[in-house]
Amino acid sequence: MATLNVPVPHPTIAAAIAAASPGDTIQLGAGYANEAATVTKNGLTITGGASNTGIVLTLDGVVTGVTPGGTAPIAVVGTAATSEQITGGAGDETFTFVSGATAAVTGRTPSTSAWGSTH
């Protein structure tokens, strides 16, 4: 398992995802912000700090697992009508799932995450 750093040497989260393998970690550099990326590989951990704001990760409808890590306020959007697994996270993540999608979120408590549903 490798750690891929954003923005150096990977300029974006999307570029790091493209270079990643399942089980890898994508580490966001301090202050890296404002990117929407689609997660296309299972088992990735995407981690950063509180200064990594405006990060939105959309699960591609095939991916069934992602782990937001660190204290970054990452927004995770589920799009599939299949089960999705989100594990961990210590930040102010938000999780939004389209109507018909099911998800299991483990390692979090409702008081520290915002929950949403889009219809």
N, C-alpha and C. Protein backbone atom coordinates (compact mmCIF):
# COMPACT_ATOMS: atom_id res chain seq x y z
N MET A 1 0.84 -1.18 0.00
CA MET A 1 0.00 0.00 0.00
C MET A 1 0.88 1.24 0.00
N ALA A 2 0.55 2.16 -0.88
CA ALA A 2 1.34 3.36 -1.06
C ALA A 2 0.60 4.59 -0.54
N THR A 3 1.36 5.65 -0.28
CA THR A 3 0.79 6.94 0.05
C THR A 3 1.09 7.88 -1.12
N LEU A 4 0.02 8.47 -1.66
CA LEU A 4 0.14 9.40 -2.77
C LEU A 4 -0.17 10.80 -2.25
N ASN A 5 0.73 11.73 -2.46
CA ASN A 5 0.59 13.08 -1.92
C ASN A 5 0.02 14.05 -2.94
N VAL A 6 -0.90 14.91 -2.46
CA VAL A 6 -1.51 15.97 -3.26
C VAL A 6 -1.20 17.28 -2.56
N PRO A 7 -0.69 18.32 -3.19
CA PRO A 7 -0.59 18.52 -4.62
C PRO A 7 0.76 18.16 -5.23
N VAL A 8 1.72 17.68 -4.46
CA VAL A 8 3.01 17.29 -5.03
C VAL A 8 3.30 15.86 -4.59
N PRO A 9 3.52 14.91 -5.47
CA PRO A 9 3.70 15.09 -6.91
C PRO A 9 2.40 15.03 -7.72
N HIS A 10 1.30 14.64 -7.10
CA HIS A 10 0.02 14.54 -7.82
C HIS A 10 -0.71 15.87 -7.68
N PRO A 11 -0.97 16.58 -8.78
CA PRO A 11 -1.52 17.93 -8.68
C PRO A 11 -2.96 18.00 -8.17
N THR A 12 -3.71 16.90 -8.31
CA THR A 12 -5.11 16.89 -7.88
C THR A 12 -5.44 15.55 -7.23
N ILE A 13 -6.56 15.54 -6.52
CA ILE A 13 -7.06 14.28 -5.97
C ILE A 13 -7.39 13.33 -7.10
N ALA A 14 -8.00 13.83 -8.17
CA ALA A 14 -8.35 12.99 -9.32
C ALA A 14 -7.11 12.32 -9.91
N ALA A 15 -6.00 13.07 -10.01
CA ALA A 15 -4.76 12.49 -10.53
C ALA A 15 -4.22 11.42 -9.59
N ALA A 16 -4.33 11.66 -8.30
CA ALA A 16 -3.86 10.67 -7.33
C ALA A 16 -4.73 9.41 -7.38
N ILE A 17 -6.05 9.58 -7.53
CA ILE A 17 -6.94 8.42 -7.65
C ILE A 17 -6.57 7.61 -8.89
N ALA A 18 -6.29 8.29 -10.00
CA ALA A 18 -5.92 7.59 -11.24
C ALA A 18 -4.65 6.77 -11.06
N ALA A 19 -3.73 7.26 -10.24
CA ALA A 19 -2.45 6.57 -10.02
C ALA A 19 -2.52 5.53 -8.90
N ALA A 20 -3.59 5.54 -8.13
CA ALA A 20 -3.70 4.69 -6.93
C ALA A 20 -4.12 3.27 -7.26
N SER A 21 -3.84 2.41 -6.28
CA SER A 21 -4.32 1.02 -6.29
C SER A 21 -5.19 0.84 -5.06
N PRO A 22 -6.11 -0.14 -5.09
CA PRO A 22 -6.92 -0.39 -3.89
C PRO A 22 -6.03 -0.55 -2.66
N GLY A 23 -6.44 0.10 -1.58
CA GLY A 23 -5.70 0.03 -0.33
C GLY A 23 -4.73 1.18 -0.13
N ASP A 24 -4.52 2.00 -1.15
CA ASP A 24 -3.60 3.13 -1.03
C ASP A 24 -4.23 4.27 -0.23
N THR A 25 -3.37 5.18 0.23
CA THR A 25 -3.79 6.38 0.95
C THR A 25 -3.43 7.60 0.12
N ILE A 26 -4.37 8.51 0.00
CA ILE A 26 -4.12 9.80 -0.64
C ILE A 26 -4.05 10.83 0.47
N GLN A 27 -2.89 11.47 0.59
CA GLN A 27 -2.64 12.46 1.65
C GLN A 27 -2.73 13.86 1.06
N LEU A 28 -3.65 14.67 1.59
CA LEU A 28 -3.81 16.04 1.13
C LEU A 28 -2.85 16.95 1.89
N GLY A 29 -2.11 17.77 1.13
CA GLY A 29 -1.19 18.71 1.75
C GLY A 29 -1.95 19.82 2.46
N ALA A 30 -1.30 20.42 3.44
CA ALA A 30 -1.92 21.51 4.21
C ALA A 30 -2.40 22.60 3.26
N GLY A 31 -3.64 23.01 3.43
CA GLY A 31 -4.21 24.09 2.64
C GLY A 31 -4.78 23.68 1.29
N TYR A 32 -4.56 22.41 0.87
CA TYR A 32 -5.13 21.98 -0.41
C TYR A 32 -6.65 21.99 -0.25
N ALA A 33 -7.35 22.63 -1.21
CA ALA A 33 -8.80 22.82 -1.03
C ALA A 33 -9.52 22.89 -2.37
N ASN A 34 -10.84 22.79 -2.26
CA ASN A 34 -11.76 23.07 -3.37
C ASN A 34 -11.57 22.18 -4.59
N GLU A 35 -11.80 20.89 -4.38
CA GLU A 35 -11.81 19.96 -5.51
C GLU A 35 -12.96 18.98 -5.35
N ALA A 36 -13.64 18.74 -6.44
CA ALA A 36 -14.63 17.68 -6.51
C ALA A 36 -14.02 16.58 -7.37
N ALA A 37 -13.97 15.37 -6.82
CA ALA A 37 -13.36 14.25 -7.53
C ALA A 37 -14.27 13.03 -7.43
N THR A 38 -14.18 12.17 -8.42
CA THR A 38 -14.94 10.93 -8.41
C THR A 38 -14.01 9.79 -7.98
N VAL A 39 -14.44 9.04 -6.97
CA VAL A 39 -13.67 7.90 -6.49
C VAL A 39 -14.00 6.71 -7.38
N THR A 40 -12.99 6.20 -8.08
CA THR A 40 -13.18 5.12 -9.05
C THR A 40 -12.49 3.83 -8.65
N LYS A 41 -11.92 3.80 -7.44
CA LYS A 41 -11.21 2.61 -6.97
C LYS A 41 -11.62 2.31 -5.54
N ASN A 42 -11.81 1.03 -5.25
CA ASN A 42 -12.21 0.59 -3.91
C ASN A 42 -11.06 0.69 -2.93
N GLY A 43 -11.43 0.85 -1.67
CA GLY A 43 -10.48 0.69 -0.57
C GLY A 43 -9.49 1.82 -0.40
N LEU A 44 -9.76 3.00 -0.96
CA LEU A 44 -8.84 4.11 -0.78
C LEU A 44 -9.13 4.84 0.52
N THR A 45 -8.08 5.36 1.14
CA THR A 45 -8.20 6.28 2.26
C THR A 45 -7.77 7.64 1.75
N ILE A 46 -8.60 8.64 1.97
CA ILE A 46 -8.27 9.99 1.55
C ILE A 46 -8.26 10.83 2.82
N THR A 47 -7.08 11.36 3.15
CA THR A 47 -6.89 11.97 4.45
C THR A 47 -6.26 13.35 4.35
N GLY A 48 -6.57 14.18 5.32
CA GLY A 48 -6.01 15.52 5.36
C GLY A 48 -6.35 16.18 6.68
N GLY A 49 -6.08 17.47 6.74
CA GLY A 49 -6.31 18.23 7.95
C GLY A 49 -7.47 19.20 7.81
N ALA A 50 -7.70 19.95 8.86
CA ALA A 50 -8.84 20.87 8.92
C ALA A 50 -8.76 21.95 7.84
N SER A 51 -7.57 22.23 7.32
CA SER A 51 -7.44 23.26 6.28
C SER A 51 -7.81 22.76 4.89
N ASN A 52 -8.11 21.47 4.75
CA ASN A 52 -8.50 20.90 3.46
C ASN A 52 -10.00 21.03 3.28
N THR A 53 -10.46 22.23 2.98
CA THR A 53 -11.88 22.51 2.87
C THR A 53 -12.34 22.41 1.41
N GLY A 54 -13.65 22.25 1.22
CA GLY A 54 -14.22 22.23 -0.11
C GLY A 54 -13.92 20.97 -0.90
N ILE A 55 -13.62 19.88 -0.22
CA ILE A 55 -13.32 18.60 -0.88
C ILE A 55 -14.61 17.79 -0.95
N VAL A 56 -15.01 17.41 -2.17
CA VAL A 56 -16.21 16.60 -2.37
C VAL A 56 -15.81 15.35 -3.14
N LEU A 57 -16.07 14.19 -2.55
CA LEU A 57 -15.77 12.91 -3.19
C LEU A 57 -17.08 12.24 -3.56
N THR A 58 -17.25 11.91 -4.83
CA THR A 58 -18.44 11.21 -5.28
C THR A 58 -18.05 9.78 -5.61
N LEU A 59 -18.75 8.82 -5.00
CA LEU A 59 -18.51 7.41 -5.31
C LEU A 59 -19.11 7.13 -6.67
N ASP A 60 -18.39 6.43 -7.54
CA ASP A 60 -18.77 6.33 -8.95
C ASP A 60 -19.91 5.37 -9.27
N GLY A 61 -20.50 4.75 -8.28
CA GLY A 61 -21.59 3.82 -8.54
C GLY A 61 -21.12 2.38 -8.60
N VAL A 62 -19.82 2.18 -8.74
CA VAL A 62 -19.23 0.84 -8.72
C VAL A 62 -18.40 0.66 -7.46
N VAL A 63 -17.73 1.72 -7.05
CA VAL A 63 -16.92 1.68 -5.83
C VAL A 63 -17.83 1.44 -4.64
N THR A 64 -17.44 0.54 -3.77
CA THR A 64 -18.26 0.23 -2.61
C THR A 64 -17.59 0.59 -1.29
N GLY A 65 -16.39 1.17 -1.32
CA GLY A 65 -15.77 1.51 -0.06
C GLY A 65 -14.75 2.62 -0.18
N VAL A 66 -14.80 3.56 0.77
CA VAL A 66 -13.83 4.64 0.87
C VAL A 66 -13.70 5.01 2.34
N THR A 67 -12.51 5.48 2.73
CA THR A 67 -12.28 5.92 4.10
C THR A 67 -11.80 7.36 4.09
N PRO A 68 -12.62 8.32 4.56
CA PRO A 68 -12.09 9.66 4.76
C PRO A 68 -11.29 9.65 6.06
N GLY A 69 -10.09 10.19 6.04
CA GLY A 69 -9.24 10.14 7.23
C GLY A 69 -8.82 11.52 7.68
N GLY A 70 -8.20 11.56 8.83
CA GLY A 70 -7.74 12.83 9.37
C GLY A 70 -8.89 13.69 9.83
N THR A 71 -8.64 14.98 9.87
CA THR A 71 -9.66 15.92 10.35
C THR A 71 -10.25 16.78 9.23
N ALA A 72 -9.96 16.42 7.99
CA ALA A 72 -10.49 17.19 6.85
C ALA A 72 -12.01 17.08 6.78
N PRO A 73 -12.68 18.20 6.51
CA PRO A 73 -14.14 18.17 6.38
C PRO A 73 -14.57 17.73 4.98
N ILE A 74 -14.35 16.46 4.67
CA ILE A 74 -14.61 15.90 3.35
C ILE A 74 -16.09 15.56 3.21
N ALA A 75 -16.69 15.94 2.08
CA ALA A 75 -18.06 15.56 1.76
C ALA A 75 -18.00 14.32 0.87
N VAL A 76 -18.74 13.28 1.25
CA VAL A 76 -18.79 12.05 0.46
C VAL A 76 -20.20 11.89 -0.06
N VAL A 77 -20.33 11.70 -1.39
CA VAL A 77 -21.63 11.58 -2.02
C VAL A 77 -21.74 10.19 -2.62
N GLY A 78 -22.75 9.44 -2.20
CA GLY A 78 -23.02 8.12 -2.77
C GLY A 78 -24.03 8.24 -3.88
N THR A 79 -23.82 7.53 -4.97
CA THR A 79 -24.68 7.70 -6.14
C THR A 79 -25.38 6.43 -6.58
N ALA A 80 -25.02 5.30 -6.02
CA ALA A 80 -25.55 4.04 -6.55
C ALA A 80 -26.68 3.50 -5.70
N ALA A 81 -27.47 2.66 -6.30
CA ALA A 81 -28.52 1.97 -5.57
C ALA A 81 -27.97 0.67 -5.00
N THR A 82 -26.66 0.60 -4.86
CA THR A 82 -26.02 -0.56 -4.26
C THR A 82 -25.46 -0.15 -2.91
N SER A 83 -25.08 -1.11 -2.11
CA SER A 83 -24.54 -0.80 -0.79
C SER A 83 -23.16 -0.17 -0.92
N GLU A 84 -22.92 0.86 -0.14
CA GLU A 84 -21.64 1.52 -0.10
C GLU A 84 -21.16 1.52 1.34
N GLN A 85 -19.85 1.39 1.53
CA GLN A 85 -19.26 1.33 2.86
C GLN A 85 -18.30 2.49 3.04
N ILE A 86 -18.55 3.30 4.04
CA ILE A 86 -17.64 4.39 4.38
C ILE A 86 -17.17 4.14 5.79
N THR A 87 -15.85 4.15 5.97
CA THR A 87 -15.27 3.80 7.26
C THR A 87 -14.39 4.94 7.77
N GLY A 88 -14.48 5.21 9.08
CA GLY A 88 -13.53 6.10 9.72
C GLY A 88 -13.84 7.56 9.53
N GLY A 89 -12.79 8.34 9.64
CA GLY A 89 -12.90 9.79 9.57
C GLY A 89 -12.94 10.40 10.95
N ALA A 90 -12.24 11.48 11.11
CA ALA A 90 -12.24 12.18 12.39
C ALA A 90 -12.59 13.64 12.20
N GLY A 91 -12.98 14.00 11.00
CA GLY A 91 -13.29 15.40 10.70
C GLY A 91 -14.77 15.66 10.67
N ASP A 92 -15.14 16.75 10.04
CA ASP A 92 -16.53 17.15 9.91
C ASP A 92 -17.07 16.72 8.56
N GLU A 93 -17.01 15.42 8.29
CA GLU A 93 -17.48 14.91 7.01
C GLU A 93 -18.99 15.04 6.89
N THR A 94 -19.45 15.12 5.65
CA THR A 94 -20.88 15.00 5.38
C THR A 94 -21.06 13.84 4.43
N PHE A 95 -22.14 13.11 4.60
CA PHE A 95 -22.43 11.95 3.76
C PHE A 95 -23.81 12.14 3.16
N THR A 96 -23.91 12.13 1.84
CA THR A 96 -25.17 12.32 1.14
C THR A 96 -25.35 11.17 0.16
N PHE A 97 -26.54 10.57 0.15
CA PHE A 97 -26.80 9.42 -0.71
C PHE A 97 -28.08 9.67 -1.49
N VAL A 98 -28.03 9.39 -2.79
CA VAL A 98 -29.21 9.59 -3.62
C VAL A 98 -30.30 8.63 -3.20
N SER A 99 -31.51 8.97 -3.52
CA SER A 99 -32.65 8.13 -3.19
C SER A 99 -32.44 6.73 -3.74
N GLY A 100 -32.63 5.74 -2.92
CA GLY A 100 -32.47 4.35 -3.33
C GLY A 100 -31.11 3.79 -2.97
N ALA A 101 -30.16 4.64 -2.65
CA ALA A 101 -28.83 4.15 -2.27
C ALA A 101 -28.85 3.74 -0.81
N THR A 102 -28.09 2.72 -0.49
CA THR A 102 -27.94 2.31 0.90
C THR A 102 -26.47 2.39 1.26
N ALA A 103 -26.20 2.70 2.50
CA ALA A 103 -24.81 2.83 2.91
C ALA A 103 -24.65 2.44 4.36
N ALA A 104 -23.48 1.92 4.66
CA ALA A 104 -23.09 1.68 6.04
C ALA A 104 -21.92 2.61 6.33
N VAL A 105 -22.07 3.40 7.38
CA VAL A 105 -21.00 4.30 7.79
C VAL A 105 -20.56 3.83 9.16
N THR A 106 -19.31 3.40 9.26
CA THR A 106 -18.80 2.88 10.53
C THR A 106 -17.65 3.74 11.03
N GLY A 107 -17.45 3.70 12.33
CA GLY A 107 -16.37 4.46 12.92
C GLY A 107 -16.71 5.91 13.17
N ARG A 108 -17.98 6.29 13.04
CA ARG A 108 -18.44 7.67 13.22
C ARG A 108 -19.63 7.68 14.16
N THR A 109 -19.89 8.82 14.72
CA THR A 109 -21.09 8.99 15.53
C THR A 109 -21.92 10.10 14.90
N PRO A 110 -23.25 9.97 14.90
CA PRO A 110 -24.09 10.97 14.27
C PRO A 110 -23.86 12.39 14.77
N SER A 111 -23.40 12.56 15.99
CA SER A 111 -23.21 13.91 16.50
C SER A 111 -22.02 14.62 15.85
N THR A 112 -21.16 13.89 15.15
CA THR A 112 -19.99 14.53 14.55
C THR A 112 -20.02 14.52 13.03
N SER A 113 -21.08 14.04 12.43
CA SER A 113 -21.20 14.05 10.98
C SER A 113 -22.57 14.57 10.59
N ALA A 114 -22.63 15.21 9.47
CA ALA A 114 -23.93 15.64 8.94
C ALA A 114 -24.42 14.58 7.99
N TRP A 115 -25.71 14.29 8.04
CA TRP A 115 -26.28 13.24 7.20
C TRP A 115 -27.29 13.87 6.27
N GLY A 116 -27.29 13.43 5.03
CA GLY A 116 -28.24 14.01 4.10
C GLY A 116 -28.76 12.95 3.16
N SER A 117 -29.83 13.28 2.47
CA SER A 117 -30.38 12.40 1.45
C SER A 117 -30.93 13.27 0.33
N THR A 118 -30.54 12.96 -0.88
CA THR A 118 -31.01 13.71 -2.04
C THR A 118 -32.04 12.89 -2.77
N HIS A 119 -33.14 13.49 -3.10
CA HIS A 119 -34.21 12.75 -3.81
C HIS A 119 -34.37 13.29 -5.19
